[in-house]
PDB file of N, CA and C in Angstrom:
ATOM      1  N   MET A   1     -14.548   3.609  12.564  1.00  0.00           N
ATOM      2  CA  MET A   1     -14.158   4.855  11.559  1.00  0.00           C
ATOM      3  C   MET A   1     -14.612   4.676  10.233  1.00  0.00           C
ATOM      4  N   PRO A   2     -15.243   5.918  10.019  1.00  0.00           N
ATOM      5  CA  PRO A   2     -16.182   6.294   8.534  1.00  0.00           C
ATOM      6  C   PRO A   2     -15.370   5.955   7.820  1.00  0.00           C
ATOM      7  N   THR A   3     -15.570   5.410   6.779  1.00  0.00           N
ATOM      8  CA  THR A   3     -15.042   5.876   5.298  1.00  0.00           C
ATOM      9  C   THR A   3     -15.697   5.843   4.216  1.00  0.00           C
ATOM     10  N   SER A   4     -15.879   7.366   3.349  1.00  0.00           N
ATOM     11  CA  SER A   4     -16.540   7.545   2.743  1.00  0.00           C
ATOM     12  C   SER A   4     -15.563   7.262   1.401  1.00  0.00           C
ATOM     13  N   GLY A   5     -16.856   7.817   0.055  1.00  0.00           N
ATOM     14  CA  GLY A   5     -16.083   7.335  -1.442  1.00  0.00           C
ATOM     15  C   GLY A   5     -17.229   8.743  -1.567  1.00  0.00           C
ATOM     16  N   LEU A   6     -16.375   9.723  -2.432  1.00  0.00           N
ATOM     17  CA  LEU A   6     -16.917  10.884  -2.778  1.00  0.00           C
ATOM     18  C   LEU A   6     -16.679  10.800  -3.947  1.00  0.00           C
ATOM     19  N   VAL A   7     -17.708  11.821  -4.550  1.00  0.00           N
ATOM     20  CA  VAL A   7     -16.938  12.322  -5.854  1.00  0.00           C
ATOM     21  C   VAL A   7     -17.371  13.967  -5.933  1.00  0.00           C
ATOM     22  N   ILE A   8     -16.625  14.672  -6.241  1.00  0.00           N
ATOM     23  CA  ILE A   8     -16.500  16.116  -6.557  1.00  0.00           C
ATOM     24  C   ILE A   8     -16.482  16.341  -8.023  1.00  0.00           C
ATOM     25  N   THR A   9     -17.571  17.425  -8.408  1.00  0.00           N
ATOM     26  CA  THR A   9     -18.025  18.116  -9.670  1.00  0.00           C
ATOM     27  C   THR A   9     -17.495  19.416  -9.654  1.00  0.00           C
ATOM     28  N   PHE A  10     -16.015  19.646 -10.500  1.00  0.00           N
ATOM     29  CA  PHE A  10     -15.965  20.861 -10.596  1.00  0.00           C
ATOM     30  C   PHE A  10     -16.186  21.615 -11.111  1.00  0.00           C
ATOM     31  N   GLU A  11     -16.134  22.853 -10.918  1.00  0.00           N
ATOM     32  CA  GLU A  11     -17.263  24.297 -11.903  1.00  0.00           C
ATOM     33  C   GLU A  11     -16.981  23.726 -13.427  1.00  0.00           C
ATOM     34  N   SER A  12     -15.804  23.716 -13.447  1.00  0.00           N
ATOM     35  CA  SER A  12     -15.556  23.673 -14.927  1.00  0.00           C
ATOM     36  C   SER A  12     -13.908  22.497 -15.382  1.00  0.00           C
ATOM     37  N   GLU A  13     -14.234  22.274 -16.110  1.00  0.00           N
ATOM     38  CA  GLU A  13     -13.269  21.337 -16.631  1.00  0.00           C
ATOM     39  C   GLU A  13     -11.951  22.127 -16.509  1.00  0.00           C
ATOM     40  N   ILE A  14     -11.647  23.450 -16.903  1.00  0.00           N
ATOM     41  CA  ILE A  14     -10.570  23.658 -16.559  1.00  0.00           C
ATOM     42  C   ILE A  14     -10.042  24.732 -15.347  1.00  0.00           C
ATOM     43  N   SER A  15     -10.788  25.080 -14.390  1.00  0.00           N
ATOM     44  CA  SER A  15     -11.214  25.858 -13.385  1.00  0.00           C
ATOM     45  C   SER A  15      -9.829  25.815 -12.461  1.00  0.00           C
ATOM     46  N   ASP A  16      -9.501  26.138 -11.456  1.00  0.00           N
ATOM     47  CA  ASP A  16      -8.158  26.129 -10.510  1.00  0.00           C
ATOM     48  C   ASP A  16      -8.398  24.735  -9.679  1.00  0.00           C
ATOM     49  N   ARG A  17      -8.158  23.696 -10.314  1.00  0.00           N
ATOM     50  CA  ARG A  17      -8.537  22.787  -9.545  1.00  0.00           C
ATOM     51  C   ARG A  17      -6.855  22.083  -9.066  1.00  0.00           C
ATOM     52  N   ASP A  18      -6.201  22.351 -10.038  1.00  0.00           N
ATOM     53  CA  ASP A  18      -4.787  22.126  -9.363  1.00  0.00           C
ATOM     54  C   ASP A  18      -4.558  22.545  -8.560  1.00  0.00           C
ATOM     55  N   GLU A  19      -4.988  23.862  -7.246  1.00  0.00           N
ATOM     56  CA  GLU A  19      -4.721  23.808  -6.291  1.00  0.00           C
ATOM     57  C   GLU A  19      -5.694  23.701  -5.228  1.00  0.00           C
ATOM     58  N   LEU A  20      -6.718  23.304  -5.603  1.00  0.00           N
ATOM     59  CA  LEU A  20      -7.822  22.705  -5.199  1.00  0.00           C
ATOM     60  C   LEU A  20      -7.418  20.949  -4.937  1.00  0.00           C
ATOM     61  N   LEU A  21      -6.571  20.133  -6.153  1.00  0.00           N
ATOM     62  CA  LEU A  21      -6.278  18.917  -5.830  1.00  0.00           C
ATOM     63  C   LEU A  21      -5.083  18.953  -4.854  1.00  0.00           C
ATOM     64  N   ARG A  22      -3.864  20.561  -4.499  1.00  0.00           N
ATOM     65  CA  ARG A  22      -2.991  20.061  -3.946  1.00  0.00           C
ATOM     66  C   ARG A  22      -3.055  19.897  -3.079  1.00  0.00           C
ATOM     67  N   LEU A  23      -4.742  21.038  -2.405  1.00  0.00           N
ATOM     68  CA  LEU A  23      -5.284  21.564  -0.803  1.00  0.00           C
ATOM     69  C   LEU A  23      -5.796  19.617  -0.435  1.00  0.00           C
ATOM     70  N   LEU A  24      -6.293  18.852  -1.277  1.00  0.00           N
ATOM     71  CA  LEU A  24      -7.349  17.681  -0.885  1.00  0.00           C
ATOM     72  C   LEU A  24      -5.699  16.634  -0.490  1.00  0.00           C
ATOM     73  N   ARG A  25      -4.786  16.570  -1.498  1.00  0.00           N
ATOM     74  CA  ARG A  25      -3.797  15.329  -1.546  1.00  0.00           C
ATOM     75  C   ARG A  25      -3.051  15.917  -0.273  1.00  0.00           C
ATOM     76  N   ALA A  26      -2.590  16.982   0.132  1.00  0.00           N
ATOM     77  CA  ALA A  26      -1.948  17.331   1.353  1.00  0.00           C
ATOM     78  C   ALA A  26      -2.973  16.809   2.795  1.00  0.00           C
ATOM     79  N   ASP A  27      -3.741  16.339   2.641  1.00  0.00           N
ATOM     80  CA  ASP A  27      -5.226  16.051   3.590  1.00  0.00           C
ATOM     81  C   ASP A  27      -4.744  14.653   4.050  1.00  0.00           C
ATOM     82  N   PRO A  28      -3.940  14.219   5.143  1.00  0.00           N
ATOM     83  CA  PRO A  28      -3.925  12.567   5.334  1.00  0.00           C
ATOM     84  C   PRO A  28      -4.718  11.727   5.502  1.00  0.00           C
ATOM     85  N   MET A  29      -6.245  12.513   5.853  1.00  0.00           N
ATOM     86  CA  MET A  29      -7.445  11.379   5.954  1.00  0.00           C
ATOM     87  C   MET A  29      -8.011  11.215   4.111  1.00  0.00           C
ATOM     88  N   ILE A  30      -7.938  12.419   3.244  1.00  0.00           N
ATOM     89  CA  ILE A  30      -7.942  12.146   1.919  1.00  0.00           C
ATOM     90  C   ILE A  30      -7.427  11.367   0.873  1.00  0.00           C
ATOM     91  N   THR A  31      -7.950  10.437   0.280  1.00  0.00           N
ATOM     92  CA  THR A  31      -7.140   9.776  -0.680  1.00  0.00           C
ATOM     93  C   THR A  31      -7.793  10.349  -2.232  1.00  0.00           C
ATOM     94  N   VAL A  32      -6.936  11.037  -3.152  1.00  0.00           N
ATOM     95  CA  VAL A  32      -7.455  11.677  -4.347  1.00  0.00           C
ATOM     96  C   VAL A  32      -7.175  10.341  -5.278  1.00  0.00           C
ATOM     97  N   GLY A  33      -8.294  10.100  -6.104  1.00  0.00           N
ATOM     98  CA  GLY A  33      -8.139   9.255  -7.510  1.00  0.00           C
ATOM     99  C   GLY A  33      -8.157   9.733  -8.587  1.00  0.00           C
ATOM    100  N   VAL A  34      -8.246   9.393  -9.858  1.00  0.00           N
ATOM    101  CA  VAL A  34      -8.148   9.832 -10.735  1.00  0.00           C
ATOM    102  C   VAL A  34      -9.641  10.913 -11.319  1.00  0.00           C
ATOM    103  N   VAL A  35      -8.920  12.020 -11.779  1.00  0.00           N
ATOM    104  CA  VAL A  35      -9.712  13.077 -12.676  1.00  0.00           C
ATOM    105  C   VAL A  35      -9.996  12.519 -13.948  1.00  0.00           C
ATOM    106  N   GLN A  36     -10.970  13.087 -14.312  1.00  0.00           N
ATOM    107  CA  GLN A  36     -11.819  12.354 -15.290  1.00  0.00           C
ATOM    108  C   GLN A  36     -12.738  13.487 -15.734  1.00  0.00           C
ATOM    109  N   ASP A  37     -12.544  14.289 -16.839  1.00  0.00           N
ATOM    110  CA  ASP A  37     -13.494  15.494 -17.265  1.00  0.00           C
ATOM    111  C   ASP A  37     -13.244  16.240 -15.552  1.00  0.00           C
ATOM    112  N   ASN A  38     -14.930  16.661 -15.526  1.00  0.00           N
ATOM    113  CA  ASN A  38     -14.846  17.939 -14.598  1.00  0.00           C
ATOM    114  C   ASN A  38     -14.909  16.817 -13.380  1.00  0.00           C
ATOM    115  N   LYS A  39     -14.828  15.629 -13.323  1.00  0.00           N
ATOM    116  CA  LYS A  39     -15.116  14.720 -11.836  1.00  0.00           C
ATOM    117  C   LYS A  39     -13.988  14.115 -10.966  1.00  0.00           C
ATOM    118  N   CYS A  40     -13.837  13.933  -9.985  1.00  0.00           N
ATOM    119  CA  CYS A  40     -12.666  13.518  -9.382  1.00  0.00           C
ATOM    120  C   CYS A  40     -13.012  12.453  -8.257  1.00  0.00           C
ATOM    121  N   ALA A  41     -12.970  11.516  -7.333  1.00  0.00           N
ATOM    122  CA  ALA A  41     -13.362  10.114  -7.212  1.00  0.00           C
ATOM    123  C   ALA A  41     -12.401  10.597  -5.786  1.00  0.00           C
ATOM    124  N   ILE A  42     -12.821  10.729  -4.566  1.00  0.00           N
ATOM    125  CA  ILE A  42     -12.025  10.576  -3.205  1.00  0.00           C
ATOM    126  C   ILE A  42     -12.558   9.931  -1.971  1.00  0.00           C
ATOM    127  N   VAL A  43     -11.791   9.227  -1.640  1.00  0.00           N
ATOM    128  CA  VAL A  43     -11.978   8.523  -0.467  1.00  0.00           C
ATOM    129  C   VAL A  43     -11.561   9.274   0.713  1.00  0.00           C
ATOM    130  N   LEU A  44     -12.601   9.015   1.837  1.00  0.00           N
ATOM    131  CA  LEU A  44     -12.134  10.226   3.158  1.00  0.00           C
ATOM    132  C   LEU A  44     -12.145   9.278   4.274  1.00  0.00           C
ATOM    133  N   GLU A  45     -11.290   9.047   5.190  1.00  0.00           N
ATOM    134  CA  GLU A  45     -11.200   8.155   6.163  1.00  0.00           C
ATOM    135  C   GLU A  45     -11.104   9.229   7.375  1.00  0.00           C
ATOM    136  N   SER A  46     -11.947   9.314   8.425  1.00  0.00           N
ATOM    137  CA  SER A  46     -12.126  10.253   9.476  1.00  0.00           C
ATOM    138  C   SER A  46     -12.662   9.651  10.552  1.00  0.00           C
ATOM    139  N   ASP A  47     -12.759   9.940  11.690  1.00  0.00           N
ATOM    140  CA  ASP A  47     -12.182   9.545  13.071  1.00  0.00           C
ATOM    141  C   ASP A  47     -13.555   9.002  13.633  1.00  0.00           C
ATOM    142  N   SER A  48     -14.447   9.994  13.363  1.00  0.00           N
ATOM    143  CA  SER A  48     -15.895  10.156  13.112  1.00  0.00           C
ATOM    144  C   SER A  48     -16.941  10.372  12.669  1.00  0.00           C
ATOM    145  N   LYS A  49     -18.394   9.949  12.906  1.00  0.00           N
ATOM    146  CA  LYS A  49     -19.219  10.287  12.027  1.00  0.00           C
ATOM    147  C   LYS A  49     -19.447  12.471  11.839  1.00  0.00           C
ATOM    148  N   GLN A  50     -19.191  12.483  12.795  1.00  0.00           N
ATOM    149  CA  GLN A  50     -19.220  14.121  12.953  1.00  0.00           C
ATOM    150  C   GLN A  50     -17.960  15.015  12.124  1.00  0.00           C
ATOM    151  N   GLN A  51     -17.088  14.380  12.397  1.00  0.00           N
ATOM    152  CA  GLN A  51     -15.523  14.492  11.662  1.00  0.00           C
ATOM    153  C   GLN A  51     -15.985  14.467   9.986  1.00  0.00           C
ATOM    154  N   ASP A  52     -16.555  13.235   9.501  1.00  0.00           N
ATOM    155  CA  ASP A  52     -16.911  12.811   8.077  1.00  0.00           C
ATOM    156  C   ASP A  52     -17.625  14.146   7.792  1.00  0.00           C
ATOM    157  N   ARG A  53     -18.737  14.506   8.239  1.00  0.00           N
ATOM    158  CA  ARG A  53     -20.266  15.781   8.335  1.00  0.00           C
ATOM    159  C   ARG A  53     -18.751  17.364   7.788  1.00  0.00           C
ATOM    160  N   GLU A  54     -18.059  17.037   8.801  1.00  0.00           N
ATOM    161  CA  GLU A  54     -17.425  18.283   8.757  1.00  0.00           C
ATOM    162  C   GLU A  54     -16.410  18.474   7.732  1.00  0.00           C
ATOM    163  N   TYR A  55     -16.200  17.364   7.362  1.00  0.00           N
ATOM    164  CA  TYR A  55     -15.034  17.552   6.201  1.00  0.00           C
ATOM    165  C   TYR A  55     -16.246  17.724   4.927  1.00  0.00           C
ATOM    166  N   TRP A  56     -17.216  17.087   4.954  1.00  0.00           N
ATOM    167  CA  TRP A  56     -18.070  17.317   3.601  1.00  0.00           C
ATOM    168  C   TRP A  56     -18.060  18.303   3.230  1.00  0.00           C
ATOM    169  N   GLU A  57     -18.605  18.988   4.389  1.00  0.00           N
ATOM    170  CA  GLU A  57     -19.139  20.839   4.369  1.00  0.00           C
ATOM    171  C   GLU A  57     -17.758  21.208   3.783  1.00  0.00           C
ATOM    172  N   TRP A  58     -16.534  21.455   4.684  1.00  0.00           N
ATOM    173  CA  TRP A  58     -15.210  21.924   3.692  1.00  0.00           C
ATOM    174  C   TRP A  58     -15.186  21.749   2.460  1.00  0.00           C
ATOM    175  N   ILE A  59     -15.447  20.341   2.107  1.00  0.00           N
ATOM    176  CA  ILE A  59     -14.994  20.407   0.781  1.00  0.00           C
ATOM    177  C   ILE A  59     -15.910  21.330  -0.086  1.00  0.00           C
ATOM    178  N   ARG A  60     -17.319  21.012   0.167  1.00  0.00           N
ATOM    179  CA  ARG A  60     -18.469  21.505  -0.452  1.00  0.00           C
ATOM    180  C   ARG A  60     -17.960  23.400  -0.832  1.00  0.00           C
ATOM    181  N   SER A  61     -17.636  23.990   0.328  1.00  0.00           N
ATOM    182  CA  SER A  61     -17.055  25.328   0.082  1.00  0.00           C
ATOM    183  C   SER A  61     -15.516  25.320  -0.790  1.00  0.00           C
ATOM    184  N   LEU A  62     -15.423  24.665  -0.594  1.00  0.00           N
ATOM    185  CA  LEU A  62     -14.009  25.239  -1.347  1.00  0.00           C
ATOM    186  C   LEU A  62     -14.346  25.803  -3.275  1.00  0.00           C
ATOM    187  N   ALA A  63     -13.388  26.512  -3.222  1.00  0.00           N
ATOM    188  CA  ALA A  63     -13.318  27.451  -4.629  1.00  0.00           C
ATOM    189  C   ALA A  63     -13.409  26.294  -5.945  1.00  0.00           C
ATOM    190  N   GLY A  64     -14.529  26.160  -6.721  1.00  0.00           N
ATOM    191  CA  GLY A  64     -13.950  25.270  -7.699  1.00  0.00           C
ATOM    192  C   GLY A  64     -14.616  24.229  -7.832  1.00  0.00           C
ATOM    193  N   VAL A  65     -15.277  23.722  -6.495  1.00  0.00           N
ATOM    194  CA  VAL A  65     -16.521  22.749  -6.447  1.00  0.00           C
ATOM    195  C   VAL A  65     -17.831  23.226  -6.456  1.00  0.00           C
ATOM    196  N   ALA A  66     -18.515  22.150  -7.240  1.00  0.00           N
ATOM    197  CA  ALA A  66     -19.665  22.563  -7.884  1.00  0.00           C
ATOM    198  C   ALA A  66     -20.762  21.704  -7.243  1.00  0.00           C
ATOM    199  N   ASP A  67     -20.355  20.744  -6.486  1.00  0.00           N
ATOM    200  CA  ASP A  67     -21.130  19.897  -6.216  1.00  0.00           C
ATOM    201  C   ASP A  67     -20.259  18.471  -5.922  1.00  0.00           C
ATOM    202  N   LEU A  68     -20.592  17.733  -4.055  1.00  0.00           N
ATOM    203  CA  LEU A  68     -20.163  17.022  -3.689  1.00  0.00           C
ATOM    204  C   LEU A  68     -21.132  15.827  -3.763  1.00  0.00           C
ATOM    205  N   GLN A  69     -20.684  14.575  -4.247  1.00  0.00           N
ATOM    206  CA  GLN A  69     -21.900  13.490  -3.952  1.00  0.00           C
ATOM    207  C   GLN A  69     -21.552  12.445  -3.525  1.00  0.00           C
ATOM    208  N   VAL A  70     -22.000  11.845  -2.610  1.00  0.00           N
ATOM    209  CA  VAL A  70     -21.634  10.208  -1.689  1.00  0.00           C
ATOM    210  C   VAL A  70     -21.658   9.321  -2.531  1.00  0.00           C
ATOM    211  N   ALA A  71     -20.649   8.489  -2.442  1.00  0.00           N
ATOM    212  CA  ALA A  71     -21.088   7.173  -3.524  1.00  0.00           C
ATOM    213  C   ALA A  71     -21.085   6.204  -2.554  1.00  0.00           C
ATOM    214  N   PHE A  72     -20.766   5.803  -1.319  1.00  0.00           N
ATOM    215  CA  PHE A  72     -20.740   5.004  -0.526  1.00  0.00           C
ATOM    216  C   PHE A  72     -19.895   5.809   0.711  1.00  0.00           C
ATOM    217  N   ILE A  73     -20.653   4.839   1.991  1.00  0.00           N
ATOM    218  CA  ILE A  73     -20.195   4.804   3.477  1.00  0.00           C
ATOM    219  C   ILE A  73     -19.862   3.649   4.206  1.00  0.00           C
ATOM    220  N   GLY A  74     -18.985   3.750   4.327  1.00  0.00           N
ATOM    221  CA  GLY A  74     -18.484   2.463   5.651  1.00  0.00           C
ATOM    222  C   GLY A  74     -18.471   2.582   6.871  1.00  0.00           C
ATOM    223  N   PHE A  75     -18.436   1.615   7.775  1.00  0.00           N
ATOM    224  CA  PHE A  75     -18.444   2.458   9.128  1.00  0.00           C
ATOM    225  C   PHE A  75     -17.419   0.912   9.462  1.00  0.00           C
ATOM    226  N   GLU A  76     -16.176   0.813   9.823  1.00  0.00           N
ATOM    227  CA  GLU A  76     -15.568  -0.423  10.327  1.00  0.00           C
ATOM    228  C   GLU A  76     -15.362  -0.511  11.763  1.00  0.00           C
ATOM    229  N   GLU A  77     -15.775  -1.542  12.122  1.00  0.00           N
ATOM    230  CA  GLU A  77     -16.246  -1.851  13.284  1.00  0.00           C
ATOM    231  C   GLU A  77     -14.604  -2.208  14.584  1.00  0.00           C
ATOM    232  N   GLY A  78     -15.109  -1.534  15.282  1.00  0.00           N
ATOM    233  CA  GLY A  78     -13.791  -1.808  16.098  1.00  0.00           C
ATOM    234  C   GLY A  78     -13.660  -3.437  17.362  1.00  0.00           C
ATOM    235  N   PRO A  79     -12.286  -3.476  17.524  1.00  0.00           N
ATOM    236  CA  PRO A  79     -11.834  -5.448  17.825  1.00  0.00           C
ATOM    237  C   PRO A  79     -12.662  -5.379  19.174  1.00  0.00           C
ATOM    238  N   GLU A  80     -13.267  -4.887  19.563  1.00  0.00           N
ATOM    239  CA  GLU A  80     -14.703  -4.734  20.969  1.00  0.00           C
ATOM    240  C   GLU A  80     -15.926  -5.351  20.324  1.00  0.00           C
ATOM    241  N   SER A  81     -15.963  -5.437  18.775  1.00  0.00           N
ATOM    242  CA  SER A  81     -17.370  -5.661  18.481  1.00  0.00           C
ATOM    243  C   SER A  81     -17.234  -7.157  17.736  1.00  0.00           C
ATOM    244  N   GLU A  82     -16.058  -7.242  17.522  1.00  0.00           N
ATOM    245  CA  GLU A  82     -15.705  -8.590  16.980  1.00  0.00           C
ATOM    246  C   GLU A  82     -15.765  -9.976  17.603  1.00  0.00           C
ATOM    247  N   PRO A  83     -16.860 -10.893  17.184  1.00  0.00           N
ATOM    248  CA  PRO A  83     -16.357 -12.050  18.182  1.00  0.00           C
ATOM    249  C   PRO A  83     -15.806 -12.888  18.322  1.00  0.00           C
ATOM    250  N   PRO A  84     -15.342 -13.442  19.040  1.00  0.00           N
ATOM    251  CA  PRO A  84     -14.213 -13.981  19.405  1.00  0.00           C
ATOM    252  C   PRO A  84     -14.024 -15.380  18.854  1.00  0.00           C
ATOM    253  N   ALA A  85     -12.498 -15.409  18.955  1.00  0.00           N
ATOM    254  CA  ALA A  85     -12.321 -16.850  17.920  1.00  0.00           C
ATOM    255  C   ALA A  85     -12.332 -18.114  18.443  1.00  0.00           C
TER     256      ALA A  85
END
């Protein structure tokens, strides 16, 4: 399960980001962090690398998004890959 730490840069500090933030908060795979100036940190927990990339493209395409930067990507290993106790 990929976990991505992303930073959204809004087109402007006063853009229609309230609607954008509502849209992101409504998605159970996204956790929205603090909004500061024209940036917002989010965490995306997807089911696969492909779904992760699809979300990145979707977020980049949203009105009011000027840029999306990847700050962190982690991959949670499944129980089958853990060493026996």
